Amino acid sequence: MSDHEHQHHDENEDIVVTMTDEEGNEREMVLAFTFDVEERVYAVLLDYNDPEEEGVIMRLEEENGDTVLVNIDDDEEWDRVVSIYNELAEQEQA
């Protein structure tokens, strides 16, 4: 998933992002939750129409006063983020 566009909603509504993958297919993704790793914030996005499908994790960054989603390209960063995500998921299940 690379390109994305945000749909702004009221505070009580889900945050939905339209993402376009490498083949040009668009998917609506809902922001499920965020978590911090080493002073960076990451977002877990789930398919809006199929929340049971595997999600996507992206880094949140500030750019010109807006929050944007950024792909995680660094393998070491990805490994740290997935490790923390797995720990959080295990705690949720306990």
N, C-alpha and C. Protein backbone atom coordinates (compact mmCIF):
# COMPACT_ATOMS: atom_id res chain seq x y z
N MET A 1 0.86 -1.17 0.00
CA MET A 1 0.00 0.00 0.00
C MET A 1 0.91 1.23 0.00
N SER A 2 0.62 2.15 -0.88
CA SER A 2 1.49 3.31 -0.93
C SER A 2 0.71 4.61 -0.87
N ASP A 3 -0.12 4.89 -1.84
CA ASP A 3 -0.85 6.14 -1.84
C ASP A 3 -2.04 6.04 -0.89
N HIS A 4 -2.41 7.18 -0.30
CA HIS A 4 -3.55 7.17 0.60
C HIS A 4 -4.21 8.54 0.65
N GLU A 5 -5.48 8.52 1.01
CA GLU A 5 -6.21 9.78 1.17
C GLU A 5 -7.09 9.61 2.40
N HIS A 6 -7.19 10.67 3.20
CA HIS A 6 -7.93 10.62 4.45
C HIS A 6 -9.35 11.13 4.27
N GLN A 7 -10.27 10.52 5.01
CA GLN A 7 -11.62 11.02 5.10
C GLN A 7 -11.81 11.48 6.54
N HIS A 8 -12.06 12.76 6.74
CA HIS A 8 -12.20 13.30 8.08
C HIS A 8 -13.63 13.13 8.56
N HIS A 9 -13.76 12.68 9.80
CA HIS A 9 -15.05 12.41 10.40
C HIS A 9 -15.11 13.09 11.76
N ASP A 10 -16.28 13.07 12.36
CA ASP A 10 -16.41 13.53 13.73
C ASP A 10 -15.59 12.64 14.64
N GLU A 11 -15.29 13.13 15.87
CA GLU A 11 -14.46 12.38 16.80
C GLU A 11 -15.01 10.99 17.09
N ASN A 12 -16.32 10.81 17.10
CA ASN A 12 -16.91 9.53 17.46
C ASN A 12 -16.96 8.54 16.30
N GLU A 13 -16.60 8.96 15.11
CA GLU A 13 -16.63 8.09 13.95
C GLU A 13 -15.25 7.51 13.68
N ASP A 14 -15.23 6.40 12.94
CA ASP A 14 -13.98 5.78 12.55
C ASP A 14 -13.21 6.68 11.59
N ILE A 15 -11.90 6.59 11.64
CA ILE A 15 -11.05 7.28 10.66
C ILE A 15 -10.81 6.29 9.53
N VAL A 16 -11.28 6.64 8.34
CA VAL A 16 -11.17 5.77 7.19
C VAL A 16 -10.19 6.38 6.19
N VAL A 17 -9.29 5.54 5.68
CA VAL A 17 -8.26 5.97 4.74
C VAL A 17 -8.40 5.11 3.49
N THR A 18 -8.42 5.73 2.33
CA THR A 18 -8.42 4.98 1.08
C THR A 18 -6.97 4.80 0.64
N MET A 19 -6.55 3.55 0.50
CA MET A 19 -5.17 3.25 0.13
C MET A 19 -5.16 2.58 -1.23
N THR A 20 -4.11 2.86 -2.00
CA THR A 20 -3.93 2.26 -3.32
C THR A 20 -2.67 1.40 -3.29
N ASP A 21 -2.82 0.12 -3.67
CA ASP A 21 -1.66 -0.77 -3.67
C ASP A 21 -0.86 -0.62 -4.97
N GLU A 22 0.18 -1.46 -5.09
CA GLU A 22 1.09 -1.38 -6.23
C GLU A 22 0.38 -1.65 -7.56
N GLU A 23 -0.71 -2.43 -7.53
CA GLU A 23 -1.45 -2.76 -8.75
C GLU A 23 -2.54 -1.75 -9.07
N GLY A 24 -2.70 -0.72 -8.24
CA GLY A 24 -3.70 0.30 -8.48
C GLY A 24 -5.06 0.00 -7.86
N ASN A 25 -5.14 -1.07 -7.05
CA ASN A 25 -6.40 -1.42 -6.39
C ASN A 25 -6.59 -0.55 -5.15
N GLU A 26 -7.79 0.00 -5.00
CA GLU A 26 -8.08 0.83 -3.84
C GLU A 26 -8.79 0.00 -2.78
N ARG A 27 -8.42 0.25 -1.51
CA ARG A 27 -9.07 -0.39 -0.37
C ARG A 27 -9.33 0.67 0.68
N GLU A 28 -10.50 0.61 1.28
CA GLU A 28 -10.79 1.48 2.42
C GLU A 28 -10.28 0.80 3.66
N MET A 29 -9.46 1.50 4.41
CA MET A 29 -8.87 0.97 5.64
C MET A 29 -9.32 1.85 6.80
N VAL A 30 -9.60 1.21 7.94
CA VAL A 30 -10.01 1.94 9.12
C VAL A 30 -8.86 1.91 10.13
N LEU A 31 -8.62 3.05 10.76
CA LEU A 31 -7.58 3.14 11.78
C LEU A 31 -8.08 2.41 13.01
N ALA A 32 -7.48 1.25 13.33
CA ALA A 32 -7.92 0.43 14.46
C ALA A 32 -7.35 0.96 15.76
N PHE A 33 -6.03 1.22 15.79
CA PHE A 33 -5.40 1.80 16.98
C PHE A 33 -3.99 2.26 16.64
N THR A 34 -3.41 3.01 17.54
CA THR A 34 -2.03 3.47 17.39
C THR A 34 -1.23 3.00 18.60
N PHE A 35 0.09 2.93 18.43
CA PHE A 35 0.98 2.58 19.53
C PHE A 35 2.34 3.22 19.28
N ASP A 36 3.09 3.40 20.37
CA ASP A 36 4.40 4.06 20.31
C ASP A 36 5.53 3.04 20.37
N VAL A 37 6.57 3.30 19.60
CA VAL A 37 7.81 2.53 19.65
C VAL A 37 8.94 3.53 19.52
N GLU A 38 9.76 3.64 20.57
CA GLU A 38 10.95 4.50 20.53
C GLU A 38 10.62 5.90 20.02
N GLU A 39 9.66 6.55 20.63
CA GLU A 39 9.28 7.94 20.35
C GLU A 39 8.67 8.16 18.97
N ARG A 40 8.29 7.09 18.29
CA ARG A 40 7.56 7.19 17.02
C ARG A 40 6.18 6.57 17.23
N VAL A 41 5.22 7.03 16.44
CA VAL A 41 3.85 6.52 16.56
C VAL A 41 3.52 5.70 15.31
N TYR A 42 2.90 4.55 15.54
CA TYR A 42 2.52 3.65 14.46
C TYR A 42 1.02 3.41 14.48
N ALA A 43 0.45 3.17 13.32
CA ALA A 43 -0.99 2.94 13.20
C ALA A 43 -1.24 1.54 12.64
N VAL A 44 -2.25 0.88 13.20
CA VAL A 44 -2.71 -0.39 12.66
C VAL A 44 -3.99 -0.09 11.90
N LEU A 45 -4.00 -0.44 10.62
CA LEU A 45 -5.14 -0.20 9.75
C LEU A 45 -5.73 -1.54 9.33
N LEU A 46 -7.06 -1.65 9.42
CA LEU A 46 -7.76 -2.86 9.02
C LEU A 46 -8.67 -2.57 7.85
N ASP A 47 -8.89 -3.58 7.01
CA ASP A 47 -9.79 -3.43 5.87
C ASP A 47 -11.18 -3.08 6.38
N TYR A 48 -11.71 -1.97 5.94
CA TYR A 48 -13.01 -1.48 6.42
C TYR A 48 -14.13 -2.47 6.12
N ASN A 49 -14.04 -3.14 4.97
CA ASN A 49 -15.09 -4.07 4.56
C ASN A 49 -14.84 -5.50 5.02
N ASP A 50 -13.62 -5.80 5.47
CA ASP A 50 -13.28 -7.14 5.94
C ASP A 50 -12.27 -7.04 7.08
N PRO A 51 -12.74 -6.64 8.29
CA PRO A 51 -11.81 -6.42 9.41
C PRO A 51 -11.09 -7.67 9.88
N GLU A 52 -11.54 -8.85 9.45
CA GLU A 52 -10.85 -10.09 9.83
C GLU A 52 -9.59 -10.33 8.98
N GLU A 53 -9.50 -9.63 7.85
CA GLU A 53 -8.32 -9.75 6.99
C GLU A 53 -7.11 -9.13 7.70
N GLU A 54 -5.93 -9.63 7.36
CA GLU A 54 -4.70 -9.12 7.99
C GLU A 54 -4.57 -7.61 7.78
N GLY A 55 -4.15 -6.91 8.82
CA GLY A 55 -4.04 -5.46 8.77
C GLY A 55 -2.71 -4.98 8.21
N VAL A 56 -2.55 -3.67 8.24
CA VAL A 56 -1.36 -2.99 7.76
C VAL A 56 -0.85 -2.12 8.89
N ILE A 57 0.46 -2.10 9.09
CA ILE A 57 1.07 -1.21 10.08
C ILE A 57 1.87 -0.15 9.34
N MET A 58 1.63 1.11 9.68
CA MET A 58 2.36 2.22 9.06
C MET A 58 2.78 3.22 10.14
N ARG A 59 3.83 3.98 9.86
CA ARG A 59 4.29 5.01 10.78
C ARG A 59 3.49 6.29 10.53
N LEU A 60 3.16 6.99 11.61
CA LEU A 60 2.51 8.29 11.53
C LEU A 60 3.56 9.37 11.68
N GLU A 61 3.54 10.36 10.80
CA GLU A 61 4.49 11.48 10.87
C GLU A 61 3.74 12.79 10.64
N GLU A 62 4.30 13.84 11.16
CA GLU A 62 3.76 15.18 10.93
C GLU A 62 4.45 15.77 9.71
N GLU A 63 3.64 16.31 8.79
CA GLU A 63 4.18 16.93 7.59
C GLU A 63 3.35 18.17 7.28
N ASN A 64 3.97 19.33 7.39
CA ASN A 64 3.27 20.60 7.14
C ASN A 64 2.00 20.75 7.97
N GLY A 65 2.07 20.31 9.22
CA GLY A 65 0.94 20.44 10.12
C GLY A 65 -0.11 19.36 9.99
N ASP A 66 0.06 18.43 9.05
CA ASP A 66 -0.87 17.32 8.87
C ASP A 66 -0.21 16.03 9.31
N THR A 67 -1.01 15.08 9.74
CA THR A 67 -0.51 13.75 10.06
C THR A 67 -0.63 12.89 8.81
N VAL A 68 0.48 12.24 8.44
CA VAL A 68 0.50 11.41 7.24
C VAL A 68 0.95 9.99 7.60
N LEU A 69 0.52 9.03 6.78
CA LEU A 69 0.93 7.64 6.93
C LEU A 69 2.15 7.40 6.06
N VAL A 70 3.15 6.70 6.63
CA VAL A 70 4.40 6.45 5.92
C VAL A 70 4.70 4.96 5.97
N ASN A 71 5.07 4.38 4.84
CA ASN A 71 5.50 2.98 4.81
C ASN A 71 6.75 2.79 5.65
N ILE A 72 6.90 1.63 6.23
CA ILE A 72 8.10 1.28 7.00
C ILE A 72 8.99 0.47 6.07
N ASP A 73 10.07 1.09 5.60
CA ASP A 73 10.95 0.45 4.63
C ASP A 73 12.18 -0.19 5.26
N ASP A 74 12.54 0.26 6.45
CA ASP A 74 13.74 -0.24 7.13
C ASP A 74 13.43 -1.57 7.83
N ASP A 75 14.19 -2.62 7.51
CA ASP A 75 13.93 -3.95 8.08
C ASP A 75 14.07 -3.97 9.60
N GLU A 76 15.06 -3.29 10.14
CA GLU A 76 15.25 -3.26 11.59
C GLU A 76 14.09 -2.56 12.29
N GLU A 77 13.65 -1.44 11.73
CA GLU A 77 12.50 -0.73 12.29
C GLU A 77 11.27 -1.63 12.23
N TRP A 78 11.05 -2.28 11.09
CA TRP A 78 9.90 -3.16 10.92
C TRP A 78 9.91 -4.27 11.97
N ASP A 79 11.07 -4.90 12.18
CA ASP A 79 11.18 -5.98 13.16
C ASP A 79 10.83 -5.50 14.56
N ARG A 80 11.32 -4.31 14.94
CA ARG A 80 11.00 -3.74 16.27
C ARG A 80 9.51 -3.48 16.41
N VAL A 81 8.92 -2.89 15.38
CA VAL A 81 7.50 -2.53 15.42
C VAL A 81 6.63 -3.78 15.50
N VAL A 82 6.92 -4.78 14.69
CA VAL A 82 6.13 -6.01 14.71
C VAL A 82 6.27 -6.72 16.05
N SER A 83 7.46 -6.70 16.62
CA SER A 83 7.67 -7.32 17.92
C SER A 83 6.79 -6.66 19.00
N ILE A 84 6.77 -5.34 19.02
CA ILE A 84 5.94 -4.61 20.00
C ILE A 84 4.47 -4.86 19.70
N TYR A 85 4.08 -4.84 18.44
CA TYR A 85 2.69 -5.11 18.07
C TYR A 85 2.27 -6.50 18.57
N ASN A 86 3.11 -7.50 18.36
CA ASN A 86 2.79 -8.86 18.81
C ASN A 86 2.63 -8.93 20.32
N GLU A 87 3.49 -8.21 21.06
CA GLU A 87 3.37 -8.16 22.51
C GLU A 87 2.03 -7.54 22.92
N LEU A 88 1.67 -6.44 22.26
CA LEU A 88 0.38 -5.78 22.56
C LEU A 88 -0.80 -6.70 22.25
N ALA A 89 -0.72 -7.43 21.15
CA ALA A 89 -1.80 -8.34 20.77
C ALA A 89 -1.93 -9.48 21.79
N GLU A 90 -0.81 -9.98 22.27
CA GLU A 90 -0.84 -11.03 23.30
C GLU A 90 -1.47 -10.52 24.59
N GLN A 91 -1.15 -9.27 24.98
CA GLN A 91 -1.73 -8.69 26.19
C GLN A 91 -3.23 -8.52 26.04
N GLU A 92 -3.70 -8.18 24.84
CA GLU A 92 -5.13 -8.00 24.59
C GLU A 92 -5.87 -9.32 24.75
N GLN A 93 -5.23 -10.40 24.32
CA GLN A 93 -5.87 -11.72 24.37
C GLN A 93 -5.88 -12.29 25.78
N ALA A 94 -4.99 -11.84 26.63
CA ALA A 94 -4.88 -12.39 28.00
C ALA A 94 -6.02 -11.92 28.89
